[in-house]
PDB file of N, CA and C in Angstrom:
ATOM      1  N   UNK A   1     -18.793  -3.402  15.596  1.00  0.00           N
ATOM      2  CA  UNK A   1     -19.829  -3.146  16.560  1.00  0.00           C
ATOM      3  C   UNK A   1     -21.159  -3.053  15.816  1.00  0.00           C
ATOM      4  N   UNK A   2     -22.215  -3.538  16.409  1.00  0.00           N
ATOM      5  CA  UNK A   2     -23.568  -3.383  15.894  1.00  0.00           C
ATOM      6  C   UNK A   2     -24.360  -2.629  16.957  1.00  0.00           C
ATOM      7  N   UNK A   3     -24.957  -1.502  16.565  1.00  0.00           N
ATOM      8  CA  UNK A   3     -25.769  -0.695  17.477  1.00  0.00           C
ATOM      9  C   UNK A   3     -27.210  -0.759  17.002  1.00  0.00           C
ATOM     10  N   UNK A   4     -28.110  -1.127  17.897  1.00  0.00           N
ATOM     11  CA  UNK A   4     -29.527  -1.227  17.565  1.00  0.00           C
ATOM     12  C   UNK A   4     -30.285  -0.317  18.526  1.00  0.00           C
ATOM     13  N   UNK A   5     -31.171   0.486  17.989  1.00  0.00           N
ATOM     14  CA  UNK A   5     -31.933   1.378  18.854  1.00  0.00           C
ATOM     15  C   UNK A   5     -32.951   2.165  18.072  1.00  0.00           C
ATOM     16  N   UNK A   6     -33.707   2.984  18.751  1.00  0.00           N
ATOM     17  CA  UNK A   6     -34.735   3.798  18.119  1.00  0.00           C
ATOM     18  C   UNK A   6     -34.497   5.256  18.419  1.00  0.00           C
ATOM     19  N   UNK A   7     -35.299   5.781  19.330  1.00  0.00           N
ATOM     20  CA  UNK A   7     -35.230   7.194  19.691  1.00  0.00           C
ATOM     21  C   UNK A   7     -33.831   7.613  20.137  1.00  0.00           C
ATOM     22  N   UNK A   8     -33.179   6.826  20.937  1.00  0.00           N
ATOM     23  CA  UNK A   8     -31.868   7.200  21.478  1.00  0.00           C
ATOM     24  C   UNK A   8     -30.814   7.313  20.387  1.00  0.00           C
ATOM     25  N   UNK A   9     -30.813   6.377  19.443  1.00  0.00           N
ATOM     26  CA  UNK A   9     -29.807   6.420  18.387  1.00  0.00           C
ATOM     27  C   UNK A   9     -30.077   7.520  17.375  1.00  0.00           C
ATOM     28  N   UNK A  10     -31.314   8.009  17.294  1.00  0.00           N
ATOM     29  CA  UNK A  10     -31.635   9.019  16.289  1.00  0.00           C
ATOM     30  C   UNK A  10     -31.409  10.440  16.781  1.00  0.00           C
ATOM     31  N   UNK A  11     -31.014  10.614  18.009  1.00  0.00           N
ATOM     32  CA  UNK A  11     -30.858  11.956  18.568  1.00  0.00           C
ATOM     33  C   UNK A  11     -29.482  12.172  19.194  1.00  0.00           C
ATOM     34  N   UNK A  12     -28.594  12.810  18.443  1.00  0.00           N
ATOM     35  CA  UNK A  12     -27.358  13.312  19.005  1.00  0.00           C
ATOM     36  C   UNK A  12     -26.299  12.298  19.365  1.00  0.00           C
ATOM     37  N   UNK A  13     -26.298  11.141  18.765  1.00  0.00           N
ATOM     38  CA  UNK A  13     -25.290  10.137  19.065  1.00  0.00           C
ATOM     39  C   UNK A  13     -24.324  10.018  17.894  1.00  0.00           C
ATOM     40  N   UNK A  14     -23.048  10.050  18.186  1.00  0.00           N
ATOM     41  CA  UNK A  14     -22.029   9.875  17.143  1.00  0.00           C
ATOM     42  C   UNK A  14     -21.404   8.503  17.302  1.00  0.00           C
ATOM     43  N   UNK A  15     -21.382   7.755  16.211  1.00  0.00           N
ATOM     44  CA  UNK A  15     -20.737   6.442  16.209  1.00  0.00           C
ATOM     45  C   UNK A  15     -19.513   6.547  15.313  1.00  0.00           C
ATOM     46  N   UNK A  16     -18.349   6.665  15.909  1.00  0.00           N
ATOM     47  CA  UNK A  16     -17.106   6.808  15.150  1.00  0.00           C
ATOM     48  C   UNK A  16     -16.911   5.618  14.227  1.00  0.00           C
ATOM     49  N   UNK A  17     -16.540   5.888  12.984  1.00  0.00           N
ATOM     50  CA  UNK A  17     -16.249   4.831  12.032  1.00  0.00           C
ATOM     51  C   UNK A  17     -17.473   4.136  11.467  1.00  0.00           C
ATOM     52  N   UNK A  18     -18.656   4.728  11.637  1.00  0.00           N
ATOM     53  CA  UNK A  18     -19.882   4.131  11.113  1.00  0.00           C
ATOM     54  C   UNK A  18     -19.777   4.003   9.600  1.00  0.00           C
ATOM     55  N   UNK A  19     -20.036   2.824   9.080  1.00  0.00           N
ATOM     56  CA  UNK A  19     -19.938   2.626   7.632  1.00  0.00           C
ATOM     57  C   UNK A  19     -21.254   2.221   6.979  1.00  0.00           C
ATOM     58  N   UNK A  20     -22.171   1.651   7.730  1.00  0.00           N
ATOM     59  CA  UNK A  20     -23.468   1.265   7.177  1.00  0.00           C
ATOM     60  C   UNK A  20     -24.545   1.657   8.176  1.00  0.00           C
ATOM     61  N   UNK A  21     -25.636   2.218   7.666  1.00  0.00           N
ATOM     62  CA  UNK A  21     -26.735   2.622   8.528  1.00  0.00           C
ATOM     63  C   UNK A  21     -28.053   2.187   7.900  1.00  0.00           C
ATOM     64  N   UNK A  22     -28.897   1.529   8.680  1.00  0.00           N
ATOM     65  CA  UNK A  22     -30.250   1.176   8.260  1.00  0.00           C
ATOM     66  C   UNK A  22     -31.191   2.049   9.070  1.00  0.00           C
ATOM     67  N   UNK A  23     -31.986   2.847   8.391  1.00  0.00           N
ATOM     68  CA  UNK A  23     -32.812   3.823   9.088  1.00  0.00           C
ATOM     69  C   UNK A  23     -34.262   3.653   8.663  1.00  0.00           C
ATOM     70  N   UNK A  24     -35.160   3.383   9.616  1.00  0.00           N
ATOM     71  CA  UNK A  24     -36.548   3.075   9.288  1.00  0.00           C
ATOM     72  C   UNK A  24     -37.562   3.978   9.978  1.00  0.00           C
ATOM     73  N   UNK A  25     -37.127   4.900  10.816  1.00  0.00           N
ATOM     74  CA  UNK A  25     -38.060   5.717  11.594  1.00  0.00           C
ATOM     75  C   UNK A  25     -38.695   6.803  10.731  1.00  0.00           C
ATOM     76  N   UNK A  26     -40.027   6.775  10.557  1.00  0.00           N
ATOM     77  CA  UNK A  26     -40.686   7.782   9.717  1.00  0.00           C
ATOM     78  C   UNK A  26     -41.016   9.052  10.492  1.00  0.00           C
ATOM     79  N   UNK A  27     -41.253  10.118   9.751  1.00  0.00           N
ATOM     80  CA  UNK A  27     -41.738  11.370  10.312  1.00  0.00           C
ATOM     81  C   UNK A  27     -42.515  12.096   9.237  1.00  0.00           C
ATOM     82  N   UNK A  28     -43.543  12.826   9.641  1.00  0.00           N
ATOM     83  CA  UNK A  28     -44.357  13.555   8.673  1.00  0.00           C
ATOM     84  C   UNK A  28     -44.038  15.041   8.660  1.00  0.00           C
ATOM     85  N   UNK A  29     -43.095  15.476   9.481  1.00  0.00           N
ATOM     86  CA  UNK A  29     -42.774  16.904   9.531  1.00  0.00           C
ATOM     87  C   UNK A  29     -41.353  17.151   9.029  1.00  0.00           C
ATOM     88  N   UNK A  30     -41.198  18.266   8.285  1.00  0.00           N
ATOM     89  CA  UNK A  30     -39.905  18.584   7.693  1.00  0.00           C
ATOM     90  C   UNK A  30     -38.826  18.825   8.754  1.00  0.00           C
ATOM     91  N   UNK A  31     -39.189  19.489   9.862  1.00  0.00           N
ATOM     92  CA  UNK A  31     -38.161  19.780  10.860  1.00  0.00           C
ATOM     93  C   UNK A  31     -37.595  18.499  11.472  1.00  0.00           C
ATOM     94  N   UNK A  32     -38.463  17.521  11.731  1.00  0.00           N
ATOM     95  CA  UNK A  32     -37.983  16.250  12.279  1.00  0.00           C
ATOM     96  C   UNK A  32     -37.144  15.502  11.247  1.00  0.00           C
ATOM     97  N   UNK A  33     -37.564  15.545   9.969  1.00  0.00           N
ATOM     98  CA  UNK A  33     -36.781  14.892   8.913  1.00  0.00           C
ATOM     99  C   UNK A  33     -35.394  15.514   8.795  1.00  0.00           C
ATOM    100  N   UNK A  34     -35.320  16.842   8.898  1.00  0.00           N
ATOM    101  CA  UNK A  34     -34.015  17.502   8.834  1.00  0.00           C
ATOM    102  C   UNK A  34     -33.116  17.035   9.971  1.00  0.00           C
ATOM    103  N   UNK A  35     -33.668  16.982  11.171  1.00  0.00           N
ATOM    104  CA  UNK A  35     -32.887  16.527  12.319  1.00  0.00           C
ATOM    105  C   UNK A  35     -32.442  15.078  12.143  1.00  0.00           C
ATOM    106  N   UNK A  36     -33.373  14.231  11.718  1.00  0.00           N
ATOM    107  CA  UNK A  36     -33.041  12.811  11.574  1.00  0.00           C
ATOM    108  C   UNK A  36     -32.096  12.577  10.404  1.00  0.00           C
ATOM    109  N   UNK A  37     -32.152  13.439   9.394  1.00  0.00           N
ATOM    110  CA  UNK A  37     -31.257  13.305   8.249  1.00  0.00           C
ATOM    111  C   UNK A  37     -29.800  13.451   8.623  1.00  0.00           C
ATOM    112  N   UNK A  38     -29.547  14.104   9.719  1.00  0.00           N
ATOM    113  CA  UNK A  38     -28.161  14.252  10.186  1.00  0.00           C
ATOM    114  C   UNK A  38     -27.542  12.913  10.571  1.00  0.00           C
ATOM    115  N   UNK A  39     -28.395  11.929  10.791  1.00  0.00           N
ATOM    116  CA  UNK A  39     -27.902  10.582  11.087  1.00  0.00           C
ATOM    117  C   UNK A  39     -26.972  10.104   9.988  1.00  0.00           C
ATOM    118  N   UNK A  40     -27.260  10.524   8.759  1.00  0.00           N
ATOM    119  CA  UNK A  40     -26.456  10.107   7.614  1.00  0.00           C
ATOM    120  C   UNK A  40     -25.224  10.978   7.424  1.00  0.00           C
ATOM    121  N   UNK A  41     -25.055  11.990   8.257  1.00  0.00           N
ATOM    122  CA  UNK A  41     -23.917  12.896   8.151  1.00  0.00           C
ATOM    123  C   UNK A  41     -24.289  14.132   7.365  1.00  0.00           C
ATOM    124  N   UNK A  42     -23.929  15.285   7.879  1.00  0.00           N
ATOM    125  CA  UNK A  42     -24.261  16.523   7.187  1.00  0.00           C
ATOM    126  C   UNK A  42     -23.029  17.361   6.898  1.00  0.00           C
ATOM    127  N   UNK A  43     -21.861  16.838   7.182  1.00  0.00           N
ATOM    128  CA  UNK A  43     -20.591  17.457   6.802  1.00  0.00           C
ATOM    129  C   UNK A  43     -19.798  16.418   6.037  1.00  0.00           C
ATOM    130  N   UNK A  44     -18.952  16.864   5.097  1.00  0.00           N
ATOM    131  CA  UNK A  44     -18.204  15.878   4.288  1.00  0.00           C
ATOM    132  C   UNK A  44     -17.419  14.870   5.119  1.00  0.00           C
ATOM    133  N   UNK A  45     -16.898  15.272   6.271  1.00  0.00           N
ATOM    134  CA  UNK A  45     -16.078  14.359   7.076  1.00  0.00           C
ATOM    135  C   UNK A  45     -16.903  13.445   7.978  1.00  0.00           C
ATOM    136  N   UNK A  46     -18.237  13.586   7.985  1.00  0.00           N
ATOM    137  CA  UNK A  46     -19.047  12.742   8.861  1.00  0.00           C
ATOM    138  C   UNK A  46     -20.044  11.886   8.100  1.00  0.00           C
ATOM    139  N   UNK A  47     -20.036  11.918   6.795  1.00  0.00           N
ATOM    140  CA  UNK A  47     -20.993  11.129   6.019  1.00  0.00           C
ATOM    141  C   UNK A  47     -20.694   9.642   6.120  1.00  0.00           C
ATOM    142  N   UNK A  48     -21.751   8.856   6.177  1.00  0.00           N
ATOM    143  CA  UNK A  48     -21.571   7.410   6.211  1.00  0.00           C
ATOM    144  C   UNK A  48     -21.282   6.897   4.811  1.00  0.00           C
ATOM    145  N   UNK A  49     -20.701   5.742   4.718  1.00  0.00           N
ATOM    146  CA  UNK A  49     -20.388   5.146   3.419  1.00  0.00           C
ATOM    147  C   UNK A  49     -21.636   4.615   2.732  1.00  0.00           C
ATOM    148  N   UNK A  50     -22.570   4.087   3.481  1.00  0.00           N
ATOM    149  CA  UNK A  50     -23.776   3.515   2.890  1.00  0.00           C
ATOM    150  C   UNK A  50     -24.936   3.709   3.848  1.00  0.00           C
ATOM    151  N   UNK A  51     -26.089   4.014   3.298  1.00  0.00           N
ATOM    152  CA  UNK A  51     -27.284   4.152   4.108  1.00  0.00           C
ATOM    153  C   UNK A  51     -28.407   3.396   3.443  1.00  0.00           C
ATOM    154  N   UNK A  52     -29.267   2.833   4.234  1.00  0.00           N
ATOM    155  CA  UNK A  52     -30.390   2.089   3.691  1.00  0.00           C
ATOM    156  C   UNK A  52     -31.637   2.461   4.467  1.00  0.00           C
ATOM    157  N   UNK A  53     -32.737   2.667   3.738  1.00  0.00           N
ATOM    158  CA  UNK A  53     -33.995   3.014   4.376  1.00  0.00           C
ATOM    159  C   UNK A  53     -35.139   2.497   3.514  1.00  0.00           C
ATOM    160  N   UNK A  54     -36.337   2.876   3.848  1.00  0.00           N
ATOM    161  CA  UNK A  54     -37.500   2.434   3.084  1.00  0.00           C
ATOM    162  C   UNK A  54     -37.725   3.360   1.891  1.00  0.00           C
ATOM    163  N   UNK A  55     -38.412   2.880   0.851  1.00  0.00           N
ATOM    164  CA  UNK A  55     -38.711   3.749  -0.296  1.00  0.00           C
ATOM    165  C   UNK A  55     -39.489   5.011   0.098  1.00  0.00           C
ATOM    166  N   UNK A  56     -40.433   4.896   1.031  1.00  0.00           N
ATOM    167  CA  UNK A  56     -41.214   6.072   1.424  1.00  0.00           C
ATOM    168  C   UNK A  56     -40.350   7.098   2.151  1.00  0.00           C
ATOM    169  N   UNK A  57     -39.426   6.644   3.001  1.00  0.00           N
ATOM    170  CA  UNK A  57     -38.516   7.581   3.661  1.00  0.00           C
ATOM    171  C   UNK A  57     -37.546   8.197   2.662  1.00  0.00           C
ATOM    172  N   UNK A  58     -37.120   7.429   1.694  1.00  0.00           N
ATOM    173  CA  UNK A  58     -36.237   7.966   0.663  1.00  0.00           C
ATOM    174  C   UNK A  58     -36.947   9.093  -0.098  1.00  0.00           C
ATOM    175  N   UNK A  59     -38.219   8.896  -0.427  1.00  0.00           N
ATOM    176  CA  UNK A  59     -38.993   9.948  -1.104  1.00  0.00           C
ATOM    177  C   UNK A  59     -39.144  11.173  -0.213  1.00  0.00           C
ATOM    178  N   UNK A  60     -39.379  10.957   1.077  1.00  0.00           N
ATOM    179  CA  UNK A  60     -39.530  12.080   2.010  1.00  0.00           C
ATOM    180  C   UNK A  60     -38.234  12.887   2.091  1.00  0.00           C
ATOM    181  N   UNK A  61     -37.080  12.197   2.145  1.00  0.00           N
ATOM    182  CA  UNK A  61     -35.803  12.915   2.189  1.00  0.00           C
ATOM    183  C   UNK A  61     -35.533  13.635   0.874  1.00  0.00           C
ATOM    184  N   UNK A  62     -35.938  13.068  -0.255  1.00  0.00           N
ATOM    185  CA  UNK A  62     -35.784  13.752  -1.546  1.00  0.00           C
ATOM    186  C   UNK A  62     -36.647  15.008  -1.575  1.00  0.00           C
ATOM    187  N   UNK A  63     -37.851  14.917  -1.026  1.00  0.00           N
ATOM    188  CA  UNK A  63     -38.748  16.075  -0.992  1.00  0.00           C
ATOM    189  C   UNK A  63     -38.191  17.186  -0.116  1.00  0.00           C
ATOM    190  N   UNK A  64     -37.676  16.836   1.058  1.00  0.00           N
ATOM    191  CA  UNK A  64     -37.146  17.887   1.935  1.00  0.00           C
ATOM    192  C   UNK A  64     -35.868  18.485   1.366  1.00  0.00           C
ATOM    193  N   UNK A  65     -35.090  17.687   0.660  1.00  0.00           N
ATOM    194  CA  UNK A  65     -33.890  18.220   0.007  1.00  0.00           C
ATOM    195  C   UNK A  65     -34.287  19.230  -1.064  1.00  0.00           C
ATOM    196  N   UNK A  66     -35.306  18.915  -1.850  1.00  0.00           N
ATOM    197  CA  UNK A  66     -35.779  19.839  -2.887  1.00  0.00           C
ATOM    198  C   UNK A  66     -36.323  21.117  -2.261  1.00  0.00           C
ATOM    199  N   UNK A  67     -37.079  21.001  -1.170  1.00  0.00           N
ATOM    200  CA  UNK A  67     -37.633  22.174  -0.496  1.00  0.00           C
ATOM    201  C   UNK A  67     -36.529  23.055   0.084  1.00  0.00           C
ATOM    202  N   UNK A  68     -35.523  22.432   0.679  1.00  0.00           N
ATOM    203  CA  UNK A  68     -34.396  23.183   1.245  1.00  0.00           C
ATOM    204  C   UNK A  68     -33.616  23.887   0.145  1.00  0.00           C
ATOM    205  N   UNK A  69     -33.382  23.201  -0.966  1.00  0.00           N
ATOM    206  CA  UNK A  69     -32.678  23.818  -2.099  1.00  0.00           C
ATOM    207  C   UNK A  69     -33.467  25.006  -2.645  1.00  0.00           C
ATOM    208  N   UNK A  70     -34.786  24.856  -2.750  1.00  0.00           N
ATOM    209  CA  UNK A  70     -35.628  25.954  -3.234  1.00  0.00           C
ATOM    210  C   UNK A  70     -35.555  27.153  -2.294  1.00  0.00           C
ATOM    211  N   UNK A  71     -35.596  26.898  -0.991  1.00  0.00           N
ATOM    212  CA  UNK A  71     -35.500  27.976  -0.004  1.00  0.00           C
ATOM    213  C   UNK A  71     -34.167  28.711  -0.139  1.00  0.00           C
ATOM    214  N   UNK A  72     -33.074  27.956  -0.308  1.00  0.00           N
ATOM    215  CA  UNK A  72     -31.761  28.597  -0.477  1.00  0.00           C
ATOM    216  C   UNK A  72     -31.726  29.473  -1.734  1.00  0.00           C
ATOM    217  N   UNK A  73     -32.309  28.968  -2.828  1.00  0.00           N
ATOM    218  CA  UNK A  73     -32.362  29.763  -4.075  1.00  0.00           C
ATOM    219  C   UNK A  73     -33.184  31.028  -3.869  1.00  0.00           C
ATOM    220  N   UNK A  74     -34.306  30.925  -3.160  1.00  0.00           N
ATOM    221  CA  UNK A  74     -35.140  32.100  -2.889  1.00  0.00           C
ATOM    222  C   UNK A  74     -34.386  33.133  -2.060  1.00  0.00           C
ATOM    223  N   UNK A  75     -33.652  32.682  -1.061  1.00  0.00           N
ATOM    224  CA  UNK A  75     -32.886  33.603  -0.218  1.00  0.00           C
ATOM    225  C   UNK A  75     -31.797  34.289  -1.031  1.00  0.00           C
ATOM    226  N   UNK A  76     -31.128  33.530  -1.881  1.00  0.00           N
ATOM    227  CA  UNK A  76     -30.103  34.131  -2.745  1.00  0.00           C
ATOM    228  C   UNK A  76     -30.714  35.161  -3.684  1.00  0.00           C
ATOM    229  N   UNK A  77     -31.879  34.856  -4.262  1.00  0.00           N
ATOM    230  CA  UNK A  77     -32.558  35.795  -5.163  1.00  0.00           C
ATOM    231  C   UNK A  77     -32.969  37.047  -4.406  1.00  0.00           C
ATOM    232  N   UNK A  78     -33.521  36.878  -3.203  1.00  0.00           N
ATOM    233  CA  UNK A  78     -33.929  38.007  -2.376  1.00  0.00           C
ATOM    234  C   UNK A  78     -32.744  38.920  -2.089  1.00  0.00           C
ATOM    235  N   UNK A  79     -31.619  38.319  -1.732  1.00  0.00           N
ATOM    236  CA  UNK A  79     -30.419  39.102  -1.440  1.00  0.00           C
ATOM    237  C   UNK A  79     -29.925  39.838  -2.683  1.00  0.00           C
ATOM    238  N   UNK A  80     -29.943  39.159  -3.833  1.00  0.00           N
ATOM    239  CA  UNK A  80     -29.484  39.779  -5.078  1.00  0.00           C
ATOM    240  C   UNK A  80     -30.363  40.969  -5.464  1.00  0.00           C
ATOM    241  N   UNK A  81     -31.654  40.897  -5.127  1.00  0.00           N
ATOM    242  CA  UNK A  81     -32.573  41.984  -5.435  1.00  0.00           C
ATOM    243  C   UNK A  81     -32.559  43.082  -4.369  1.00  0.00           C
ATOM    244  N   UNK A  82     -31.867  42.818  -3.260  1.00  0.00           N
ATOM    245  CA  UNK A  82     -31.784  43.799  -2.173  1.00  0.00           C
ATOM    246  C   UNK A  82     -33.103  43.987  -1.438  1.00  0.00           C
ATOM    247  N   UNK A  83     -33.904  42.945  -1.364  1.00  0.00           N
ATOM    248  CA  UNK A  83     -35.211  43.020  -0.714  1.00  0.00           C
ATOM    249  C   UNK A  83     -35.176  42.421   0.681  1.00  0.00           C
ATOM    250  N   UNK A  84     -36.109  42.866   1.510  1.00  0.00           N
ATOM    251  CA  UNK A  84     -36.294  42.238   2.816  1.00  0.00           C
ATOM    252  C   UNK A  84     -37.219  41.040   2.638  1.00  0.00           C
ATOM    253  N   UNK A  85     -37.272  40.157   3.624  1.00  0.00           N
ATOM    254  CA  UNK A  85     -38.202  39.027   3.512  1.00  0.00           C
ATOM    255  C   UNK A  85     -39.650  39.488   3.299  1.00  0.00           C
ATOM    256  N   UNK A  86     -40.065  40.536   3.981  1.00  0.00           N
ATOM    257  CA  UNK A  86     -41.433  41.040   3.812  1.00  0.00           C
ATOM    258  C   UNK A  86     -41.666  41.520   2.385  1.00  0.00           C
ATOM    259  N   UNK A  87     -40.706  42.254   1.827  1.00  0.00           N
ATOM    260  CA  UNK A  87     -40.839  42.753   0.460  1.00  0.00           C
ATOM    261  C   UNK A  87     -40.807  41.601  -0.554  1.00  0.00           C
ATOM    262  N   UNK A  88     -39.954  40.640  -0.304  1.00  0.00           N
ATOM    263  CA  UNK A  88     -39.801  39.520  -1.231  1.00  0.00           C
ATOM    264  C   UNK A  88     -41.027  38.601  -1.213  1.00  0.00           C
ATOM    265  N   UNK A  89     -41.561  38.375  -0.022  1.00  0.00           N
ATOM    266  CA  UNK A  89     -42.699  37.457   0.128  1.00  0.00           C
ATOM    267  C   UNK A  89     -43.941  37.975  -0.531  1.00  0.00           C
TER     268      UNK A  89
END
């Protein structure tokens, strides 16, 4: 099967057995990138075998991944120190 679409395919659609995905829709906000990143699968059992996108979108996803990882490390550090978000910030 070949599925072609824009907004509809990027929001909440599951394609069973998807093996290749070409994704070109840009976004300048992290929250939208996080939502759209789920297109590639966000659980081990739902990840696609191959994904293809533009170099600029690839950089944007690398940036949001780094930001998310940093946030997780900060939360872990805050918890280890026994601080509240207000105290930690």
